[in-house]
Protein backbone atom coordinates (compact mmCIF):
# COMPACT_ATOMS: atom_id res chain seq x y z
CA MET A 1 0.00 0.00 0.00
CA LYS A 2 2.82 2.41 0.78
CA LEU A 3 4.20 2.14 -2.75
CA SER A 4 1.02 3.43 -4.37
CA ARG A 5 0.84 7.07 -5.32
CA VAL A 6 -2.95 7.00 -5.21
CA PRO A 7 -5.25 5.99 -2.34
CA LEU A 8 -6.39 2.37 -2.56
CA VAL A 9 -9.93 1.30 -1.70
CA ALA A 10 -11.09 -2.22 -0.84
CA ILE A 11 -13.99 -3.21 -3.09
CA GLY A 12 -15.88 -6.44 -3.66
CA ASP A 13 -18.01 -8.28 -1.11
CA VAL A 14 -16.77 -6.06 1.74
CA THR A 15 -18.75 -6.41 4.98
CA ALA A 16 -18.70 -4.73 8.38
CA GLU A 17 -16.99 -7.84 9.72
CA ASP A 18 -14.09 -7.21 7.31
CA ALA A 19 -13.65 -3.51 8.07
CA ALA A 20 -10.98 -3.72 10.78
CA ASP A 21 -8.86 -6.31 8.96
CA LEU A 22 -9.02 -4.36 5.70
CA ALA A 23 -8.17 -1.07 7.40
CA ALA A 24 -5.14 -2.73 8.99
CA THR A 25 -3.76 -3.38 5.49
CA GLY A 26 -3.50 0.36 4.91
CA VAL A 27 -6.34 0.90 2.45
CA ALA A 28 -7.73 4.43 2.34
CA GLY A 29 -11.35 3.30 2.39
CA LEU A 30 -13.99 0.66 1.80
CA ALA A 31 -16.58 0.38 -0.96
CA VAL A 32 -19.72 -1.19 0.52
CA VAL A 33 -23.11 -1.55 -1.16
CA ARG A 34 -24.72 -4.93 -0.52
CA GLY A 35 -24.26 -4.87 3.27
CA ILE A 36 -25.86 -1.46 3.57
CA MET A 37 -28.70 -2.27 1.18
CA HIS A 38 -29.55 -5.53 2.99
CA ALA A 39 -29.13 -4.23 6.54
CA ALA A 40 -32.24 -4.04 8.70
CA ASP A 41 -30.86 -0.74 10.02
CA PRO A 42 -28.56 0.80 7.39
CA GLU A 43 -27.52 3.67 9.65
CA ALA A 44 -26.42 1.29 12.41
CA TYR A 45 -24.59 -0.83 9.83
CA CYS A 46 -22.67 2.22 8.60
CA HIS A 47 -21.72 3.09 12.18
CA GLU A 48 -20.46 -0.49 12.61
CA LEU A 49 -18.42 -0.19 9.39
CA LEU A 50 -16.84 3.09 10.47
CA ALA A 51 -16.06 1.83 13.97
CA GLY A 52 -14.40 -1.28 12.57
CA PHE A 53 -12.42 0.72 10.04
CA ASP A 54 -11.23 3.16 12.72
CA GLU A 55 -10.23 0.26 14.97
CA GLY A 56 -8.21 -1.43 12.25
CA ALA A 57 -6.54 1.78 11.11
CA ARG A 58 -4.87 2.33 14.51
């Protein structure tokens, strides 16, 4: 990730459960559609995604 001159984003079947592990790799962000669209509470799901990403980025 450090060798890239552009920010890299994880895309493809990304879920909230993956957020921390993906963030730990150094990606700049996550592209999530299916998880949000299928969530019973999309807002809560987004909060879960962000919390996981922040945790993994530390």
